[in-house]
Amino acid sequence: MSLSELMSADISRRIRSNNVEENTSVAAEKAHSYGLIDAETLKNMTDGRVTKGDLRAAKQVVYMLERQGVKKNSEVTDVAHGLVKAVTQQLNTQSILETIVENFKDGLKR
């Protein structure tokens, strides 16, 4: 692969990464406004990188709504599923090194 191809691939990854970071922020803020996640979880999800812990927290919201018997395809379940999707997409877009570093930093905070 040539240098220009490598640079182009890196730029494409950064553009995708910025879009998914924005999607995660919007989804997390919406979930927070519905009372689905607390302020600390919101902060962790919107600090620029996500972790497997963030994904676990997003999935817990969906499980909690299911246990509470909240109707599927309601607005609140759509918000919860949107959060899981956004965090998953960002996690899949991040480099492995970014994810490892963020998992380590989040582990130190808890």
PDB file of N, CA and C in Angstrom:
ATOM      1  N   MET A   1       0.835  -1.164   0.000  1.00  0.00           N
ATOM      2  CA  MET A   1       0.000   0.000   0.000  1.00  0.00           C
ATOM      3  C   MET A   1       0.892   1.243   0.000  1.00  0.00           C
ATOM      4  N   SER A   2       0.566   2.201  -0.833  1.00  0.00           N
ATOM      5  CA  SER A   2       1.379   3.414  -0.913  1.00  0.00           C
ATOM      6  C   SER A   2       1.085   4.349   0.252  1.00  0.00           C
ATOM      7  N   LEU A   3       1.943   5.333   0.409  1.00  0.00           N
ATOM      8  CA  LEU A   3       1.780   6.302   1.487  1.00  0.00           C
ATOM      9  C   LEU A   3       0.474   7.067   1.334  1.00  0.00           C
ATOM     10  N   SER A   4       0.138   7.466   0.111  1.00  0.00           N
ATOM     11  CA  SER A   4      -1.103   8.220  -0.100  1.00  0.00           C
ATOM     12  C   SER A   4      -2.331   7.359   0.214  1.00  0.00           C
ATOM     13  N   GLU A   5      -2.259   6.070  -0.106  1.00  0.00           N
ATOM     14  CA  GLU A   5      -3.374   5.170   0.227  1.00  0.00           C
ATOM     15  C   GLU A   5      -3.519   5.011   1.737  1.00  0.00           C
ATOM     16  N   LEU A   6      -2.382   4.900   2.439  1.00  0.00           N
ATOM     17  CA  LEU A   6      -2.418   4.800   3.896  1.00  0.00           C
ATOM     18  C   LEU A   6      -3.000   6.068   4.516  1.00  0.00           C
ATOM     19  N   MET A   7      -2.574   7.227   4.011  1.00  0.00           N
ATOM     20  CA  MET A   7      -3.087   8.492   4.537  1.00  0.00           C
ATOM     21  C   MET A   7      -4.581   8.621   4.264  1.00  0.00           C
ATOM     22  N   SER A   8      -5.006   8.222   3.091  1.00  0.00           N
ATOM     23  CA  SER A   8      -6.421   8.280   2.731  1.00  0.00           C
ATOM     24  C   SER A   8      -7.248   7.362   3.628  1.00  0.00           C
ATOM     25  N   ALA A   9      -6.737   6.172   3.889  1.00  0.00           N
ATOM     26  CA  ALA A   9      -7.437   5.229   4.760  1.00  0.00           C
ATOM     27  C   ALA A   9      -7.536   5.784   6.175  1.00  0.00           C
ATOM     28  N   ASP A  10      -6.472   6.431   6.655  1.00  0.00           N
ATOM     29  CA  ASP A  10      -6.477   7.013   7.991  1.00  0.00           C
ATOM     30  C   ASP A  10      -7.483   8.159   8.073  1.00  0.00           C
ATOM     31  N   ILE A  11      -7.528   8.994   7.048  1.00  0.00           N
ATOM     32  CA  ILE A  11      -8.480  10.109   7.026  1.00  0.00           C
ATOM     33  C   ILE A  11      -9.910   9.566   7.016  1.00  0.00           C
ATOM     34  N   SER A  12     -10.165   8.540   6.221  1.00  0.00           N
ATOM     35  CA  SER A  12     -11.502   7.935   6.184  1.00  0.00           C
ATOM     36  C   SER A  12     -11.894   7.388   7.545  1.00  0.00           C
ATOM     37  N   ARG A  13     -10.946   6.733   8.220  1.00  0.00           N
ATOM     38  CA  ARG A  13     -11.232   6.187   9.545  1.00  0.00           C
ATOM     39  C   ARG A  13     -11.548   7.306  10.525  1.00  0.00           C
ATOM     40  N   ARG A  14     -10.811   8.409  10.449  1.00  0.00           N
ATOM     41  CA  ARG A  14     -11.062   9.537  11.348  1.00  0.00           C
ATOM     42  C   ARG A  14     -12.422  10.159  11.099  1.00  0.00           C
ATOM     43  N   ILE A  15     -12.816  10.287   9.835  1.00  0.00           N
ATOM     44  CA  ILE A  15     -14.136  10.843   9.522  1.00  0.00           C
ATOM     45  C   ILE A  15     -15.223   9.939  10.087  1.00  0.00           C
ATOM     46  N   ARG A  16     -15.114   8.628   9.845  1.00  0.00           N
ATOM     47  CA  ARG A  16     -16.098   7.685  10.390  1.00  0.00           C
ATOM     48  C   ARG A  16     -16.110   7.762  11.902  1.00  0.00           C
ATOM     49  N   SER A  17     -14.918   7.853  12.500  1.00  0.00           N
ATOM     50  CA  SER A  17     -14.817   7.898  13.950  1.00  0.00           C
ATOM     51  C   SER A  17     -15.498   9.139  14.500  1.00  0.00           C
ATOM     52  N   ASN A  18     -15.299  10.303  13.873  1.00  0.00           N
ATOM     53  CA  ASN A  18     -15.943  11.529  14.340  1.00  0.00           C
ATOM     54  C   ASN A  18     -17.452  11.426  14.243  1.00  0.00           C
ATOM     55  N   ASN A  19     -17.964  10.835  13.165  1.00  0.00           N
ATOM     56  CA  ASN A  19     -19.407  10.691  13.011  1.00  0.00           C
ATOM     57  C   ASN A  19     -19.985   9.766  14.074  1.00  0.00           C
ATOM     58  N   VAL A  20     -19.325   8.657  14.347  1.00  0.00           N
ATOM     59  CA  VAL A  20     -19.861   7.731  15.332  1.00  0.00           C
ATOM     60  C   VAL A  20     -19.738   8.302  16.740  1.00  0.00           C
ATOM     61  N   GLU A  21     -18.698   9.085  16.997  1.00  0.00           N
ATOM     62  CA  GLU A  21     -18.587   9.746  18.300  1.00  0.00           C
ATOM     63  C   GLU A  21     -19.750  10.706  18.495  1.00  0.00           C
ATOM     64  N   GLU A  22     -20.091  11.446  17.448  1.00  0.00           N
ATOM     65  CA  GLU A  22     -21.220  12.382  17.518  1.00  0.00           C
ATOM     66  C   GLU A  22     -22.527  11.613  17.710  1.00  0.00           C
ATOM     67  N   ASN A  23     -22.690  10.506  16.980  1.00  0.00           N
ATOM     68  CA  ASN A  23     -23.902   9.690  17.131  1.00  0.00           C
ATOM     69  C   ASN A  23     -24.036   9.159  18.553  1.00  0.00           C
ATOM     70  N   THR A  24     -22.923   8.716  19.128  1.00  0.00           N
ATOM     71  CA  THR A  24     -22.937   8.214  20.497  1.00  0.00           C
ATOM     72  C   THR A  24     -23.309   9.329  21.468  1.00  0.00           C
ATOM     73  N   SER A  25     -22.741  10.500  21.274  1.00  0.00           N
ATOM     74  CA  SER A  25     -23.048  11.633  22.156  1.00  0.00           C
ATOM     75  C   SER A  25     -24.524  11.990  22.106  1.00  0.00           C
ATOM     76  N   VAL A  26     -25.072  12.067  20.902  1.00  0.00           N
ATOM     77  CA  VAL A  26     -26.494  12.405  20.746  1.00  0.00           C
ATOM     78  C   VAL A  26     -27.370  11.336  21.396  1.00  0.00           C
ATOM     79  N   ALA A  27     -27.047  10.061  21.150  1.00  0.00           N
ATOM     80  CA  ALA A  27     -27.841   8.963  21.717  1.00  0.00           C
ATOM     81  C   ALA A  27     -27.746   8.945  23.240  1.00  0.00           C
ATOM     82  N   ALA A  28     -26.549   9.177  23.773  1.00  0.00           N
ATOM     83  CA  ALA A  28     -26.358   9.166  25.223  1.00  0.00           C
ATOM     84  C   ALA A  28     -27.080  10.347  25.874  1.00  0.00           C
ATOM     85  N   GLU A  29     -27.006  11.521  25.257  1.00  0.00           N
ATOM     86  CA  GLU A  29     -27.703  12.682  25.807  1.00  0.00           C
ATOM     87  C   GLU A  29     -29.213  12.476  25.799  1.00  0.00           C
ATOM     88  N   LYS A  30     -29.716  11.862  24.744  1.00  0.00           N
ATOM     89  CA  LYS A  30     -31.149  11.586  24.677  1.00  0.00           C
ATOM     90  C   LYS A  30     -31.544  10.570  25.752  1.00  0.00           C
ATOM     91  N   ALA A  31     -30.738   9.527  25.918  1.00  0.00           N
ATOM     92  CA  ALA A  31     -31.018   8.522  26.950  1.00  0.00           C
ATOM     93  C   ALA A  31     -30.983   9.161  28.336  1.00  0.00           C
ATOM     94  N   HIS A  32     -30.046  10.063  28.544  1.00  0.00           N
ATOM     95  CA  HIS A  32     -29.958  10.760  29.828  1.00  0.00           C
ATOM     96  C   HIS A  32     -31.196  11.630  30.044  1.00  0.00           C
ATOM     97  N   SER A  33     -31.671  12.293  28.997  1.00  0.00           N
ATOM     98  CA  SER A  33     -32.857  13.146  29.134  1.00  0.00           C
ATOM     99  C   SER A  33     -34.106  12.324  29.463  1.00  0.00           C
ATOM    100  N   TYR A  34     -34.121  11.056  29.079  1.00  0.00           N
ATOM    101  CA  TYR A  34     -35.234  10.154  29.409  1.00  0.00           C
ATOM    102  C   TYR A  34     -35.032   9.504  30.775  1.00  0.00           C
ATOM    103  N   GLY A  35     -33.902   9.772  31.411  1.00  0.00           N
ATOM    104  CA  GLY A  35     -33.620   9.188  32.714  1.00  0.00           C
ATOM    105  C   GLY A  35     -33.143   7.747  32.645  1.00  0.00           C
ATOM    106  N   LEU A  36     -32.665   7.338  31.487  1.00  0.00           N
ATOM    107  CA  LEU A  36     -32.235   5.951  31.308  1.00  0.00           C
ATOM    108  C   LEU A  36     -30.805   5.715  31.778  1.00  0.00           C
ATOM    109  N   ILE A  37     -29.977   6.754  31.733  1.00  0.00           N
ATOM    110  CA  ILE A  37     -28.601   6.642  32.225  1.00  0.00           C
ATOM    111  C   ILE A  37     -28.329   7.828  33.145  1.00  0.00           C
ATOM    112  N   ASP A  38     -27.400   7.620  34.072  1.00  0.00           N
ATOM    113  CA  ASP A  38     -27.071   8.700  35.007  1.00  0.00           C
ATOM    114  C   ASP A  38     -25.977   9.596  34.417  1.00  0.00           C
ATOM    115  N   ALA A  39     -25.664  10.670  35.144  1.00  0.00           N
ATOM    116  CA  ALA A  39     -24.696  11.650  34.658  1.00  0.00           C
ATOM    117  C   ALA A  39     -23.306  11.060  34.469  1.00  0.00           C
ATOM    118  N   GLU A  40     -22.897  10.169  35.361  1.00  0.00           N
ATOM    119  CA  GLU A  40     -21.566   9.560  35.245  1.00  0.00           C
ATOM    120  C   GLU A  40     -21.474   8.678  34.003  1.00  0.00           C
ATOM    121  N   THR A  41     -22.518   7.909  33.735  1.00  0.00           N
ATOM    122  CA  THR A  41     -22.537   7.063  32.533  1.00  0.00           C
ATOM    123  C   THR A  41     -22.529   7.934  31.288  1.00  0.00           C
ATOM    124  N   LEU A  42     -23.290   9.016  31.314  1.00  0.00           N
ATOM    125  CA  LEU A  42     -23.298   9.962  30.190  1.00  0.00           C
ATOM    126  C   LEU A  42     -21.888  10.491  29.948  1.00  0.00           C
ATOM    127  N   LYS A  43     -21.205  10.883  31.010  1.00  0.00           N
ATOM    128  CA  LYS A  43     -19.846  11.412  30.893  1.00  0.00           C
ATOM    129  C   LYS A  43     -18.907  10.369  30.291  1.00  0.00           C
ATOM    130  N   ASN A  44     -19.010   9.132  30.762  1.00  0.00           N
ATOM    131  CA  ASN A  44     -18.150   8.066  30.240  1.00  0.00           C
ATOM    132  C   ASN A  44     -18.412   7.786  28.764  1.00  0.00           C
ATOM    133  N   MET A  45     -19.681   7.841  28.365  1.00  0.00           N
ATOM    134  CA  MET A  45     -20.025   7.526  26.980  1.00  0.00           C
ATOM    135  C   MET A  45     -19.687   8.659  26.011  1.00  0.00           C
ATOM    136  N   THR A  46     -19.537   9.865  26.542  1.00  0.00           N
ATOM    137  CA  THR A  46     -19.314  11.014  25.661  1.00  0.00           C
ATOM    138  C   THR A  46     -17.924  11.609  25.804  1.00  0.00           C
ATOM    139  N   ASP A  47     -16.996  10.865  26.391  1.00  0.00           N
ATOM    140  CA  ASP A  47     -15.641  11.403  26.587  1.00  0.00           C
ATOM    141  C   ASP A  47     -14.733  11.193  25.377  1.00  0.00           C
ATOM    142  N   GLY A  48     -15.279  10.766  24.274  1.00  0.00           N
ATOM    143  CA  GLY A  48     -14.502  10.612  23.041  1.00  0.00           C
ATOM    144  C   GLY A  48     -14.254   9.182  22.633  1.00  0.00           C
ATOM    145  N   ARG A  49     -14.189   8.291  23.594  1.00  0.00           N
ATOM    146  CA  ARG A  49     -13.983   6.868  23.309  1.00  0.00           C
ATOM    147  C   ARG A  49     -14.953   6.072  24.160  1.00  0.00           C
ATOM    148  N   VAL A  50     -15.335   4.904  23.664  1.00  0.00           N
ATOM    149  CA  VAL A  50     -16.225   4.046  24.433  1.00  0.00           C
ATOM    150  C   VAL A  50     -15.494   2.768  24.818  1.00  0.00           C
ATOM    151  N   THR A  51     -16.052   2.099  25.810  1.00  0.00           N
ATOM    152  CA  THR A  51     -15.457   0.856  26.299  1.00  0.00           C
ATOM    153  C   THR A  51     -16.510  -0.236  26.275  1.00  0.00           C
ATOM    154  N   LYS A  52     -16.046  -1.437  26.566  1.00  0.00           N
ATOM    155  CA  LYS A  52     -17.003  -2.535  26.693  1.00  0.00           C
ATOM    156  C   LYS A  52     -17.931  -2.289  27.875  1.00  0.00           C
ATOM    157  N   GLY A  53     -17.446  -1.584  28.884  1.00  0.00           N
ATOM    158  CA  GLY A  53     -18.291  -1.218  30.022  1.00  0.00           C
ATOM    159  C   GLY A  53     -19.415  -0.291  29.604  1.00  0.00           C
ATOM    160  N   ASP A  54     -19.128   0.625  28.677  1.00  0.00           N
ATOM    161  CA  ASP A  54     -20.167   1.512  28.154  1.00  0.00           C
ATOM    162  C   ASP A  54     -21.219   0.709  27.387  1.00  0.00           C
ATOM    163  N   LEU A  55     -20.758  -0.258  26.622  1.00  0.00           N
ATOM    164  CA  LEU A  55     -21.694  -1.110  25.881  1.00  0.00           C
ATOM    165  C   LEU A  55     -22.534  -1.937  26.850  1.00  0.00           C
ATOM    166  N   ARG A  56     -21.903  -2.441  27.893  1.00  0.00           N
ATOM    167  CA  ARG A  56     -22.628  -3.209  28.912  1.00  0.00           C
ATOM    168  C   ARG A  56     -23.704  -2.337  29.568  1.00  0.00           C
ATOM    169  N   ALA A  57     -23.360  -1.083  29.860  1.00  0.00           N
ATOM    170  CA  ALA A  57     -24.319  -0.158  30.478  1.00  0.00           C
ATOM    171  C   ALA A  57     -25.493   0.124  29.541  1.00  0.00           C
ATOM    172  N   ALA A  58     -25.201   0.296  28.263  1.00  0.00           N
ATOM    173  CA  ALA A  58     -26.264   0.553  27.283  1.00  0.00           C
ATOM    174  C   ALA A  58     -27.195  -0.659  27.172  1.00  0.00           C
ATOM    175  N   LYS A  59     -26.608  -1.860  27.149  1.00  0.00           N
ATOM    176  CA  LYS A  59     -27.435  -3.074  27.071  1.00  0.00           C
ATOM    177  C   LYS A  59     -28.266  -3.252  28.340  1.00  0.00           C
ATOM    178  N   GLN A  60     -27.722  -2.847  29.482  1.00  0.00           N
ATOM    179  CA  GLN A  60     -28.470  -2.957  30.742  1.00  0.00           C
ATOM    180  C   GLN A  60     -29.740  -2.111  30.707  1.00  0.00           C
ATOM    181  N   VAL A  61     -29.681  -0.980  30.010  1.00  0.00           N
ATOM    182  CA  VAL A  61     -30.867  -0.129  29.871  1.00  0.00           C
ATOM    183  C   VAL A  61     -31.962  -0.904  29.141  1.00  0.00           C
ATOM    184  N   VAL A  62     -31.597  -1.582  28.062  1.00  0.00           N
ATOM    185  CA  VAL A  62     -32.572  -2.368  27.297  1.00  0.00           C
ATOM    186  C   VAL A  62     -33.146  -3.483  28.168  1.00  0.00           C
ATOM    187  N   TYR A  63     -32.273  -4.193  28.892  1.00  0.00           N
ATOM    188  CA  TYR A  63     -32.736  -5.278  29.764  1.00  0.00           C
ATOM    189  C   TYR A  63     -33.656  -4.757  30.864  1.00  0.00           C
ATOM    190  N   MET A  64     -33.322  -3.605  31.422  1.00  0.00           N
ATOM    191  CA  MET A  64     -34.141  -3.018  32.474  1.00  0.00           C
ATOM    192  C   MET A  64     -35.549  -2.704  31.947  1.00  0.00           C
ATOM    193  N   LEU A  65     -35.617  -2.145  30.753  1.00  0.00           N
ATOM    194  CA  LEU A  65     -36.922  -1.821  30.171  1.00  0.00           C
ATOM    195  C   LEU A  65     -37.728  -3.084  29.890  1.00  0.00           C
ATOM    196  N   GLU A  66     -37.049  -4.136  29.435  1.00  0.00           N
ATOM    197  CA  GLU A  66     -37.740  -5.406  29.189  1.00  0.00           C
ATOM    198  C   GLU A  66     -38.291  -5.982  30.491  1.00  0.00           C
ATOM    199  N   ARG A  67     -37.496  -5.932  31.569  1.00  0.00           N
ATOM    200  CA  ARG A  67     -37.951  -6.449  32.863  1.00  0.00           C
ATOM    201  C   ARG A  67     -39.130  -5.641  33.413  1.00  0.00           C
ATOM    202  N   GLN A  68     -39.129  -4.349  33.108  1.00  0.00           N
ATOM    203  CA  GLN A  68     -40.215  -3.496  33.577  1.00  0.00           C
ATOM    204  C   GLN A  68     -41.469  -3.634  32.722  1.00  0.00           C
ATOM    205  N   GLY A  69     -41.359  -4.376  31.637  1.00  0.00           N
ATOM    206  CA  GLY A  69     -42.513  -4.598  30.775  1.00  0.00           C
ATOM    207  C   GLY A  69     -42.861  -3.420  29.885  1.00  0.00           C
ATOM    208  N   VAL A  70     -41.869  -2.563  29.614  1.00  0.00           N
ATOM    209  CA  VAL A  70     -42.115  -1.421  28.738  1.00  0.00           C
ATOM    210  C   VAL A  70     -42.381  -1.947  27.335  1.00  0.00           C
ATOM    211  N   LYS A  71     -43.415  -1.401  26.726  1.00  0.00           N
ATOM    212  CA  LYS A  71     -43.855  -1.848  25.408  1.00  0.00           C
ATOM    213  C   LYS A  71     -42.742  -1.691  24.366  1.00  0.00           C
ATOM    214  N   LYS A  72     -42.522  -2.757  23.590  1.00  0.00           N
ATOM    215  CA  LYS A  72     -41.522  -2.695  22.523  1.00  0.00           C
ATOM    216  C   LYS A  72     -41.997  -1.702  21.469  1.00  0.00           C
ATOM    217  N   ASN A  73     -41.036  -1.103  20.782  1.00  0.00           N
ATOM    218  CA  ASN A  73     -41.266  -0.089  19.754  1.00  0.00           C
ATOM    219  C   ASN A  73     -41.883   1.190  20.307  1.00  0.00           C
ATOM    220  N   SER A  74     -41.807   1.368  21.620  1.00  0.00           N
ATOM    221  CA  SER A  74     -42.210   2.647  22.191  1.00  0.00           C
ATOM    222  C   SER A  74     -41.042   3.613  22.033  1.00  0.00           C
ATOM    223  N   GLU A  75     -41.287   4.870  22.277  1.00  0.00           N
ATOM    224  CA  GLU A  75     -40.238   5.865  22.099  1.00  0.00           C
ATOM    225  C   GLU A  75     -39.049   5.587  23.015  1.00  0.00           C
ATOM    226  N   VAL A  76     -39.322   5.205  24.248  1.00  0.00           N
ATOM    227  CA  VAL A  76     -38.235   4.975  25.208  1.00  0.00           C
ATOM    228  C   VAL A  76     -37.406   3.744  24.828  1.00  0.00           C
ATOM    229  N   THR A  77     -38.034   2.700  24.317  1.00  0.00           N
ATOM    230  CA  THR A  77     -37.242   1.531  23.887  1.00  0.00           C
ATOM    231  C   THR A  77     -36.448   1.849  22.627  1.00  0.00           C
ATOM    232  N   ASP A  78     -36.997   2.704  21.763  1.00  0.00           N
ATOM    233  CA  ASP A  78     -36.240   3.133  20.576  1.00  0.00           C
ATOM    234  C   ASP A  78     -34.985   3.900  20.986  1.00  0.00           C
ATOM    235  N   VAL A  79     -35.117   4.741  22.014  1.00  0.00           N
ATOM    236  CA  VAL A  79     -33.964   5.495  22.520  1.00  0.00           C
ATOM    237  C   VAL A  79     -32.920   4.526  23.075  1.00  0.00           C
ATOM    238  N   ALA A  80     -33.362   3.543  23.842  1.00  0.00           N
ATOM    239  CA  ALA A  80     -32.439   2.567  24.437  1.00  0.00           C
ATOM    240  C   ALA A  80     -31.716   1.760  23.361  1.00  0.00           C
ATOM    241  N   HIS A  81     -32.454   1.296  22.373  1.00  0.00           N
ATOM    242  CA  HIS A  81     -31.833   0.518  21.298  1.00  0.00           C
ATOM    243  C   HIS A  81     -30.908   1.393  20.454  1.00  0.00           C
ATOM    244  N   GLY A  82     -31.267   2.657  20.277  1.00  0.00           N
ATOM    245  CA  GLY A  82     -30.402   3.586  19.556  1.00  0.00           C
ATOM    246  C   GLY A  82     -29.078   3.794  20.274  1.00  0.00           C
ATOM    247  N   LEU A  83     -29.135   3.817  21.605  1.00  0.00           N
ATOM    248  CA  LEU A  83     -27.914   3.964  22.399  1.00  0.00           C
ATOM    249  C   LEU A  83     -27.007   2.746  22.215  1.00  0.00           C
ATOM    250  N   VAL A  84     -27.574   1.559  22.277  1.00  0.00           N
ATOM    251  CA  VAL A  84     -26.782   0.337  22.079  1.00  0.00           C
ATOM    252  C   VAL A  84     -26.143   0.342  20.687  1.00  0.00           C
ATOM    253  N   LYS A  85     -26.929   0.719  19.692  1.00  0.00           N
ATOM    254  CA  LYS A  85     -26.420   0.740  18.320  1.00  0.00           C
ATOM    255  C   LYS A  85     -25.275   1.745  18.174  1.00  0.00           C
ATOM    256  N   ALA A  86     -25.447   2.945  18.721  1.00  0.00           N
ATOM    257  CA  ALA A  86     -24.417   3.979  18.597  1.00  0.00           C
ATOM    258  C   ALA A  86     -23.121   3.565  19.292  1.00  0.00           C
ATOM    259  N   VAL A  87     -23.236   3.028  20.506  1.00  0.00           N
ATOM    260  CA  VAL A  87     -22.034   2.606  21.246  1.00  0.00           C
ATOM    261  C   VAL A  87     -21.352   1.451  20.514  1.00  0.00           C
ATOM    262  N   THR A  88     -22.135   0.514  20.004  1.00  0.00           N
ATOM    263  CA  THR A  88     -21.575  -0.624  19.262  1.00  0.00           C
ATOM    264  C   THR A  88     -20.832  -0.153  18.021  1.00  0.00           C
ATOM    265  N   GLN A  89     -21.438   0.761  17.278  1.00  0.00           N
ATOM    266  CA  GLN A  89     -20.784   1.265  16.068  1.00  0.00           C
ATOM    267  C   GLN A  89     -19.475   1.977  16.409  1.00  0.00           C
ATOM    268  N   GLN A  90     -19.493   2.773  17.467  1.00  0.00           N
ATOM    269  CA  GLN A  90     -18.266   3.469  17.839  1.00  0.00           C
ATOM    270  C   GLN A  90     -17.200   2.489  18.301  1.00  0.00           C
ATOM    271  N   LEU A  91     -17.596   1.503  19.068  1.00  0.00           N
ATOM    272  CA  LEU A  91     -16.648   0.492  19.532  1.00  0.00           C
ATOM    273  C   LEU A  91     -16.025  -0.244  18.348  1.00  0.00           C
ATOM    274  N   ASN A  92     -16.825  -0.536  17.336  1.00  0.00           N
ATOM    275  CA  ASN A  92     -16.325  -1.236  16.154  1.00  0.00           C
ATOM    276  C   ASN A  92     -15.446  -0.351  15.275  1.00  0.00           C
ATOM    277  N   THR A  93     -15.602   0.968  15.382  1.00  0.00           N
ATOM    278  CA  THR A  93     -14.826   1.895  14.555  1.00  0.00           C
ATOM    279  C   THR A  93     -13.490   2.254  15.196  1.00  0.00           C
ATOM    280  N   GLN A  94     -13.437   2.243  16.514  1.00  0.00           N
ATOM    281  CA  GLN A  94     -12.201   2.565  17.217  1.00  0.00           C
ATOM    282  C   GLN A  94     -11.128   1.542  16.908  1.00  0.00           C
ATOM    283  N   SER A  95      -9.885   2.004  16.989  1.00  0.00           N
ATOM    284  CA  SER A  95      -8.787   1.047  16.856  1.00  0.00           C
ATOM    285  C   SER A  95      -8.738   0.200  18.126  1.00  0.00           C
ATOM    286  N   ILE A  96      -8.129  -0.939  18.024  1.00  0.00           N
ATOM    287  CA  ILE A  96      -7.996  -1.830  19.177  1.00  0.00           C
ATOM    288  C   ILE A  96      -7.220  -1.146  20.292  1.00  0.00           C
ATOM    289  N   LEU A  97      -6.178  -0.418  19.913  1.00  0.00           N
ATOM    290  CA  LEU A  97      -5.365   0.279  20.911  1.00  0.00           C
ATOM    291  C   LEU A  97      -6.191   1.329  21.662  1.00  0.00           C
ATOM    292  N   GLU A  98      -7.012   2.101  20.935  1.00  0.00           N
ATOM    293  CA  GLU A  98      -7.869   3.101  21.580  1.00  0.00           C
ATOM    294  C   GLU A  98      -8.795   2.444  22.594  1.00  0.00           C
ATOM    295  N   THR A  99      -9.367   1.323  22.214  1.00  0.00           N
ATOM    296  CA  THR A  99     -10.293   0.614  23.100  1.00  0.00           C
ATOM    297  C   THR A  99      -9.575   0.089  24.331  1.00  0.00           C
ATOM    298  N   ILE A 100      -8.392  -0.486  24.150  1.00  0.00           N
ATOM    299  CA  ILE A 100      -7.629  -1.008  25.286  1.00  0.00           C
ATOM    300  C   ILE A 100      -7.274   0.113  26.255  1.00  0.00           C
ATOM    301  N   VAL A 101      -6.806   1.235  25.727  1.00  0.00           N
ATOM    302  CA  VAL A 101      -6.429   2.370  26.575  1.00  0.00           C
ATOM    303  C   VAL A 101      -7.650   2.888  27.326  1.00  0.00           C
ATOM    304  N   GLU A 102      -8.775   3.030  26.636  1.00  0.00           N
ATOM    305  CA  GLU A 102      -9.992   3.543  27.285  1.00  0.00           C
ATOM    306  C   GLU A 102     -10.509   2.560  28.333  1.00  0.00           C
ATOM    307  N   ASN A 103     -10.461   1.260  28.041  1.00  0.00           N
ATOM    308  CA  ASN A 103     -10.862   0.259  29.037  1.00  0.00           C
ATOM    309  C   ASN A 103      -9.985   0.375  30.282  1.00  0.00           C
ATOM    310  N   PHE A 104      -8.692   0.576  30.078  1.00  0.00           N
ATOM    311  CA  PHE A 104      -7.758   0.716  31.197  1.00  0.00           C
ATOM    312  C   PHE A 104      -8.080   1.971  32.008  1.00  0.00           C
ATOM    313  N   LYS A 105      -8.278   3.110  31.329  1.00  0.00           N
ATOM    314  CA  LYS A 105      -8.590   4.365  32.031  1.00  0.00           C
ATOM    315  C   LYS A 105      -9.898   4.258  32.798  1.00  0.00           C
ATOM    316  N   ASP A 106     -10.920   3.677  32.187  1.00  0.00           N
ATOM    317  CA  ASP A 106     -12.206   3.521  32.877  1.00  0.00           C
ATOM    318  C   ASP A 106     -12.072   2.575  34.060  1.00  0.00           C
ATOM    319  N   GLY A 107     -11.222   1.567  33.925  1.00  0.00           N
ATOM    320  CA  GLY A 107     -11.006   0.644  35.044  1.00  0.00           C
ATOM    321  C   GLY A 107     -10.363   1.332  36.230  1.00  0.00           C
ATOM    322  N   LEU A 108      -9.503   2.294  35.976  1.00  0.00           N
ATOM    323  CA  LEU A 108      -8.856   3.040  37.051  1.00  0.00           C
ATOM    324  C   LEU A 108      -9.845   3.975  37.750  1.00  0.00           C
ATOM    325  N   LYS A 109     -10.830   4.482  37.008  1.00  0.00           N
ATOM    326  CA  LYS A 109     -11.791   5.419  37.579  1.00  0.00           C
ATOM    327  C   LYS A 109     -12.772   4.725  38.512  1.00  0.00           C
ATOM    328  N   ARG A 110     -13.020   3.431  38.294  1.00  0.00           N
ATOM    329  CA  ARG A 110     -14.066   2.744  39.052  1.00  0.00           C
ATOM    330  C   ARG A 110     -13.537   2.065  40.277  1.00  0.00           C
TER     331      ARG A 110
END
